Amino acid sequence: MTPAPKVLKLGIPKGSLEKATLDLMARAGYEIQVSDRSYEPRIDDPEIEIVMLRAQEMSRYVELGALDAGLTGQDWIAENASKVHVVTDLIYAKASMARVRWVLAVPEGSRVKKPEDLEGGRIVTELVKVTEKYFREKGVKNVQVDFSWGATEIKPALEQESATKIDGAFDKLAEAEELDADAVKARGVDAIVDVTETGSSLRAHRLRIVDTVMTSNTQFIANKTAWKDPWKRAKVENLAMLIQGAINAKEMVGLKMNVPKDVWEKKVRDLLPSERSPTISGLAESGWYAVEVILPVARERELIPQLKRAGATGIIVYPLNKVVH
């Protein structure tokens, strides 16, 4: 009897993290085809079964064993109090390669200057349990924390256009930033706790950040029983390594050039950053080096003119898919 093929059930976040996650998976070497109507996309690895789920519920399914592993936010693991194995931190978000913050925010004209000023107040958030714990730790005992799906707790008199914009907030972790100060006040809400990458959208909607409730990032998690399975653990560890390599490469480029040996020693060598040191090889034409280096994207635009002026030629810049440390 032929044994059943081994398969890893992997959860991919649907919603605000979806595009960034699929892009990283592609860079890691995995092509995932997603249908708008399907929660079970196809992947070009027969040993992986993909399931698309909201980040908010991912850790529950991993804990229960319905999924072997998944990618979700540290915030939702904390909110669900899920008992899962954290394989690794993956520092990326919807729009940047950075952590996000859950912040306590109030209308600009609010009297609230610190969390303690919200004693007896009402707060809406999607991150209820974490927010309640935050206020307990601050010693604020009399505060009402109500659940809200993103930006659904809004002023009834808002223009229809704004209300329509809010309707799809269920899957969008950052959608509550669409609330403005009037919408917060109109619902008898004293403050919101919401997720932000930069805080710019909150400021644009006349909301002022009072404090950071929690800093969060994406985490690769595994079911504890699945983690004890040698085959599944190896599969997850390999995935984690490749995804981390894709994250490392996101803001890096490779650079190649030809440099005269005397110019290399006198001018070019000290200009170059590298993970260890540049790769150098001699050219067929004596007196020249071929040099290759990896550097941050932001450094490239400053470095290329300097290299050219120093005497480097044949400068080539190319993107990277993975950088595995």
Protein backbone atom coordinates (compact mmCIF):
# COMPACT_ATOMS: atom_id res chain seq x y z
CA MET A 1 0.00 0.00 0.00
CA THR A 2 1.39 3.38 -1.03
CA PRO A 3 1.74 5.74 1.95
CA ALA A 4 -0.19 8.98 1.79
CA PRO A 5 1.91 11.90 0.55
CA LYS A 6 3.21 14.24 3.22
CA VAL A 7 1.60 17.68 3.14
CA LEU A 8 2.12 20.80 5.23
CA LYS A 9 -1.05 22.85 5.77
CA LEU A 10 0.08 26.48 5.66
CA GLY A 11 -2.04 29.53 6.47
CA ILE A 12 -1.47 32.73 4.49
CA PRO A 13 -3.04 35.94 5.84
CA LYS A 14 -5.92 37.30 3.79
CA GLY A 15 -6.45 41.05 3.88
CA SER A 16 -3.94 43.82 4.52
CA LEU A 17 -0.92 41.48 4.74
CA GLU A 18 -1.95 39.38 1.74
CA LYS A 19 -0.15 41.22 -1.05
CA ALA A 20 3.09 41.64 0.89
CA THR A 21 3.06 37.99 1.95
CA LEU A 22 2.43 36.65 -1.55
CA ASP A 23 5.23 38.86 -2.86
CA LEU A 24 7.65 37.50 -0.26
CA MET A 25 6.58 33.93 -1.01
CA ALA A 26 7.30 34.54 -4.70
CA ARG A 27 10.73 35.95 -3.86
CA ALA A 28 11.31 32.92 -1.65
CA GLY A 29 10.63 30.70 -4.67
CA TYR A 30 6.97 29.75 -4.20
CA GLU A 31 4.39 30.82 -6.79
CA ILE A 32 0.89 31.02 -5.32
CA GLN A 33 -2.16 31.51 -7.51
CA VAL A 34 -5.07 33.11 -5.67
CA SER A 35 -8.65 33.20 -6.88
CA ASP A 36 -10.91 36.00 -5.61
CA ARG A 37 -13.55 33.41 -4.63
CA SER A 38 -11.28 30.74 -3.15
CA TYR A 39 -9.75 30.33 0.29
CA GLU A 40 -7.59 27.46 -1.02
CA PRO A 41 -5.10 28.87 -3.56
CA ARG A 42 -2.74 26.74 -5.59
CA ILE A 43 0.99 26.60 -4.95
CA ASP A 44 3.75 25.10 -7.07
CA ASP A 45 4.90 22.80 -4.26
CA PRO A 46 2.89 19.55 -3.95
CA GLU A 47 4.04 19.21 -0.34
CA ILE A 48 2.26 22.41 0.75
CA GLU A 49 -1.47 23.07 1.00
CA ILE A 50 -2.32 26.77 1.23
CA VAL A 51 -5.33 28.12 3.13
CA MET A 52 -6.19 31.83 3.12
CA LEU A 53 -7.48 33.17 6.43
CA ARG A 54 -7.81 36.52 8.14
CA ALA A 55 -4.77 37.28 10.27
CA GLN A 56 -7.11 37.85 13.21
CA GLU A 57 -8.12 34.17 13.34
CA MET A 58 -4.97 32.46 12.02
CA SER A 59 -3.42 31.60 15.39
CA ARG A 60 -6.62 29.86 16.56
CA TYR A 61 -6.57 27.46 13.62
CA VAL A 62 -2.87 26.78 14.11
CA GLU A 63 -3.36 26.12 17.82
CA LEU A 64 -6.24 23.70 17.12
CA GLY A 65 -4.20 21.81 14.50
CA ALA A 66 -6.43 22.67 11.55
CA LEU A 67 -3.27 24.26 10.16
CA ASP A 68 0.29 23.06 10.71
CA ALA A 69 1.74 26.54 10.40
CA GLY A 70 0.82 30.07 9.39
CA LEU A 71 1.83 33.70 9.17
CA THR A 72 0.03 36.22 11.33
CA GLY A 73 0.60 39.19 13.56
CA GLN A 74 2.09 39.02 17.03
CA ASP A 75 -0.85 41.22 18.02
CA TRP A 76 -3.45 38.59 17.07
CA ILE A 77 -1.55 35.80 18.80
CA ALA A 78 -1.66 37.92 21.96
CA GLU A 79 -5.32 38.85 21.46
CA ASN A 80 -6.33 35.19 21.03
CA ALA A 81 -3.95 34.01 23.79
CA SER A 82 -2.98 31.24 21.37
CA LYS A 83 -0.61 28.53 22.51
CA VAL A 84 1.55 28.06 19.43
CA HIS A 85 5.23 27.68 18.65
CA VAL A 86 6.78 30.87 17.31
CA VAL A 87 9.21 29.80 14.59
CA THR A 88 10.59 33.25 13.83
CA ASP A 89 9.82 36.96 13.66
CA LEU A 90 9.34 38.30 10.14
CA ILE A 91 9.64 42.08 10.06
CA TYR A 92 7.28 43.25 7.33
CA ALA A 93 3.91 44.95 7.17
CA LYS A 94 1.34 46.09 4.62
CA ALA A 95 3.38 48.94 3.19
CA SER A 96 6.86 48.70 4.68
CA MET A 97 9.51 46.37 6.01
CA ALA A 98 8.88 47.48 9.56
CA ARG A 99 6.94 46.78 12.73
CA VAL A 100 3.53 48.30 13.31
CA ARG A 101 2.14 49.98 16.41
CA TRP A 102 -1.24 49.72 18.07
CA VAL A 103 -1.76 53.21 19.40
CA LEU A 104 -4.19 54.92 21.72
CA ALA A 105 -5.56 57.92 19.81
CA VAL A 106 -8.02 60.70 20.61
CA PRO A 107 -9.52 63.64 18.67
CA GLU A 108 -7.12 66.57 18.46
CA GLY A 109 -9.21 68.73 20.79
CA SER A 110 -9.55 66.07 23.47
CA ARG A 111 -8.58 66.83 27.07
CA VAL A 112 -6.84 63.44 27.23
CA LYS A 113 -3.07 63.76 27.53
CA LYS A 114 -2.22 60.40 29.07
CA PRO A 115 -3.93 56.98 29.42
CA GLU A 116 -4.93 57.70 33.01
CA ASP A 117 -7.11 60.56 31.77
CA LEU A 118 -9.46 57.98 30.24
CA GLU A 119 -10.71 56.78 33.63
CA GLY A 120 -14.48 56.29 33.15
CA GLY A 121 -14.15 56.62 29.38
CA ARG A 122 -15.08 54.47 26.39
CA ILE A 123 -12.60 53.06 23.88
CA VAL A 124 -13.30 51.11 20.70
CA THR A 125 -10.84 48.72 19.11
CA GLU A 126 -10.50 45.40 17.37
CA LEU A 127 -7.80 44.43 19.88
CA VAL A 128 -10.03 44.25 22.96
CA LYS A 129 -8.18 41.86 25.30
CA VAL A 130 -4.79 43.45 24.70
CA THR A 131 -6.28 46.90 25.27
CA GLU A 132 -7.98 45.81 28.50
CA LYS A 133 -4.69 44.38 29.74
CA TYR A 134 -2.92 47.63 28.79
CA PHE A 135 -5.31 49.72 30.91
CA ARG A 136 -5.06 47.28 33.84
CA GLU A 137 -1.30 47.64 33.77
CA LYS A 138 -1.71 51.42 33.74
CA GLY A 139 -3.95 51.19 36.80
CA VAL A 140 -7.01 52.46 34.91
CA LYS A 141 -9.79 50.28 36.31
CA ASN A 142 -12.96 52.05 35.21
CA VAL A 143 -12.74 52.04 31.43
CA GLN A 144 -15.11 50.51 28.87
CA VAL A 145 -13.39 48.75 25.94
CA ASP A 146 -15.78 47.83 23.13
CA PHE A 147 -15.11 45.69 20.10
CA SER A 148 -15.16 47.29 16.69
CA TRP A 149 -14.38 45.74 13.31
CA GLY A 150 -11.92 48.27 12.08
CA ALA A 151 -13.82 51.43 11.22
CA THR A 152 -17.40 50.17 11.53
CA GLU A 153 -18.12 52.22 14.68
CA ILE A 154 -18.68 55.48 12.86
CA LYS A 155 -20.86 58.53 12.99
CA PRO A 156 -24.27 57.77 11.42
CA ALA A 157 -24.34 61.18 9.75
CA LEU A 158 -21.11 60.62 7.86
CA GLU A 159 -21.38 61.17 4.15
CA GLN A 160 -22.37 58.07 2.19
CA GLU A 161 -19.06 58.09 0.39
CA SER A 162 -17.20 57.76 3.67
CA ALA A 163 -19.56 55.06 4.93
CA THR A 164 -19.04 53.07 1.72
CA LYS A 165 -15.31 53.41 2.18
CA ILE A 166 -15.66 51.87 5.64
CA ASP A 167 -17.82 48.90 4.65
CA GLY A 168 -14.92 46.68 3.58
CA ALA A 169 -12.99 47.15 6.80
CA PHE A 170 -13.52 43.60 8.08
CA ASP A 171 -10.35 42.29 6.45
CA LYS A 172 -8.24 45.42 6.79
CA LEU A 173 -6.20 45.77 9.95
CA ALA A 174 -5.37 49.41 9.32
CA GLU A 175 -8.79 50.49 8.03
CA ALA A 176 -9.78 52.16 11.30
CA GLU A 177 -7.41 54.97 10.40
CA GLU A 178 -10.25 56.17 8.14
CA LEU A 179 -12.09 57.35 11.27
CA ASP A 180 -11.85 61.06 11.75
CA ALA A 181 -12.20 63.07 14.95
CA ASP A 182 -15.89 63.87 14.36
CA ALA A 183 -16.71 60.19 13.83
CA VAL A 184 -15.04 59.25 17.10
CA LYS A 185 -16.87 61.90 19.11
CA ALA A 186 -20.25 61.25 17.48
CA ARG A 187 -20.41 57.71 18.83
CA GLY A 188 -19.69 58.73 22.39
CA VAL A 189 -16.21 57.32 22.04
CA ASP A 190 -13.38 58.94 23.98
CA ALA A 191 -10.53 57.15 22.20
CA ILE A 192 -9.64 54.41 19.77
CA VAL A 193 -6.87 51.83 19.80
CA ASP A 194 -5.78 51.20 16.25
CA VAL A 195 -2.90 49.89 14.20
CA THR A 196 -0.58 52.19 12.27
CA GLU A 197 2.72 51.99 10.43
CA THR A 198 3.60 55.72 10.40
CA GLY A 199 0.77 57.55 12.14
CA SER A 200 0.28 59.83 9.13
CA SER A 201 -3.28 58.68 8.37
CA LEU A 202 -4.35 59.24 11.97
CA ARG A 203 -2.96 62.77 11.88
CA ALA A 204 -4.69 63.41 8.55
CA HIS A 205 -8.00 62.52 10.21
CA ARG A 206 -7.34 64.86 13.14
CA LEU A 207 -6.58 62.12 15.63
CA ARG A 208 -3.74 62.53 18.10
CA ILE A 209 -1.64 59.63 19.37
CA VAL A 210 -1.50 59.48 23.16
CA ASP A 211 0.50 56.31 23.71
CA THR A 212 1.64 53.04 22.14
CA VAL A 213 -0.38 50.08 23.42
CA MET A 214 1.63 47.41 21.63
CA THR A 215 4.32 47.02 19.00
CA SER A 216 3.74 44.12 16.65
CA ASN A 217 5.25 42.31 13.69
CA THR A 218 4.45 39.32 11.55
CA GLN A 219 5.38 35.96 13.05
CA PHE A 220 5.71 32.53 11.47
CA ILE A 221 3.97 30.16 13.87
CA ALA A 222 3.51 26.39 14.04
CA ASN A 223 1.16 24.01 15.79
CA LYS A 224 3.02 22.47 18.73
CA THR A 225 2.26 18.90 17.67
CA ALA A 226 3.23 19.60 14.06
CA TRP A 227 6.48 21.14 15.28
CA LYS A 228 7.39 17.81 16.89
CA ASP A 229 7.01 16.02 13.55
CA PRO A 230 10.54 15.94 12.00
CA TRP A 231 9.33 16.24 8.40
CA LYS A 232 6.94 19.13 9.10
CA ARG A 233 9.48 20.91 11.27
CA ALA A 234 12.12 20.70 8.53
CA LYS A 235 9.61 21.95 5.97
CA VAL A 236 8.64 24.89 8.17
CA GLU A 237 12.27 25.75 8.99
CA ASN A 238 13.17 25.71 5.28
CA LEU A 239 10.22 27.99 4.51
CA ALA A 240 11.18 30.36 7.32
CA MET A 241 14.77 30.54 6.07
CA LEU A 242 13.70 31.36 2.51
CA ILE A 243 11.09 33.93 3.55
CA GLN A 244 13.59 35.62 5.87
CA GLY A 245 16.06 35.63 2.98
CA ALA A 246 13.44 37.34 0.82
CA ILE A 247 12.87 39.96 3.54
CA ASN A 248 16.62 40.55 3.83
CA ALA A 249 16.84 41.08 0.06
CA LYS A 250 13.89 43.49 -0.17
CA GLU A 251 15.96 46.58 0.48
CA MET A 252 19.27 45.34 -0.94
CA VAL A 253 20.80 45.27 -4.43
CA GLY A 254 23.83 43.66 -6.00
CA LEU A 255 26.45 45.79 -7.74
CA LYS A 256 29.17 44.74 -10.19
CA MET A 257 31.92 46.87 -11.72
CA ASN A 258 35.38 46.83 -13.20
CA VAL A 259 38.09 48.77 -11.37
CA PRO A 260 41.78 49.40 -12.16
CA LYS A 261 43.94 47.79 -9.46
CA ASP A 262 45.60 51.02 -8.45
CA VAL A 263 42.24 52.80 -8.21
CA TRP A 264 40.85 49.95 -6.10
CA GLU A 265 43.57 50.31 -3.49
CA LYS A 266 43.61 54.11 -3.39
CA LYS A 267 39.99 55.17 -3.88
CA VAL A 268 37.30 52.49 -4.24
CA ARG A 269 37.85 49.89 -1.53
CA ASP A 270 36.93 52.14 1.38
CA LEU A 271 33.74 53.29 -0.34
CA LEU A 272 32.13 49.86 -0.41
CA PRO A 273 29.93 48.36 2.32
CA SER A 274 29.36 44.60 2.25
CA GLU A 275 27.99 41.76 4.32
CA ARG A 276 31.56 40.52 4.79
CA SER A 277 33.81 42.01 2.10
CA PRO A 278 33.50 42.55 -1.66
CA THR A 279 34.07 39.64 -4.03
CA ILE A 280 37.12 40.43 -6.18
CA SER A 281 38.53 38.56 -9.18
CA GLY A 282 41.11 39.45 -11.80
CA LEU A 283 40.07 40.24 -15.37
CA ALA A 284 41.69 38.79 -18.48
CA GLU A 285 43.13 42.24 -19.06
CA SER A 286 45.93 42.70 -16.55
CA GLY A 287 45.74 45.53 -14.09
CA TRP A 288 41.96 45.30 -13.58
CA TYR A 289 39.62 43.79 -10.99
CA ALA A 290 36.02 42.64 -11.33
CA VAL A 291 34.30 43.63 -8.08
CA GLU A 292 30.90 42.52 -6.77
CA VAL A 293 29.17 43.74 -3.64
CA ILE A 294 25.76 43.72 -1.90
CA LEU A 295 24.53 47.03 -0.51
CA PRO A 296 21.37 48.80 0.69
CA VAL A 297 19.18 50.32 -2.02
CA ALA A 298 19.36 53.71 -0.30
CA ARG A 299 23.18 53.63 -0.48
CA GLU A 300 23.27 52.80 -4.20
CA ARG A 301 22.17 56.21 -5.46
CA GLU A 302 24.92 57.92 -3.49
CA LEU A 303 27.59 55.36 -4.26
CA ILE A 304 27.37 55.00 -8.04
CA PRO A 305 28.42 58.60 -8.85
CA GLN A 306 31.29 58.28 -6.36
CA LEU A 307 32.46 55.02 -7.94
CA LYS A 308 32.27 56.46 -11.43
CA ARG A 309 34.28 59.52 -10.46
CA ALA A 310 36.83 57.30 -8.72
CA GLY A 311 37.49 55.39 -11.96
CA ALA A 312 35.14 52.36 -11.89
CA THR A 313 33.60 51.31 -15.21
CA GLY A 314 30.95 48.82 -16.40
CA ILE A 315 28.84 49.42 -13.28
CA ILE A 316 25.83 47.06 -13.17
CA VAL A 317 23.11 47.06 -10.49
CA TYR A 318 20.71 44.12 -10.16
CA PRO A 319 17.84 43.20 -7.81
CA LEU A 320 18.05 40.34 -5.31
CA ASN A 321 15.43 37.72 -4.46
CA LYS A 322 17.05 36.30 -1.33
CA VAL A 323 19.90 37.12 1.02
CA VAL A 324 20.42 34.25 3.47
CA HIS A 325 22.72 35.11 6.35
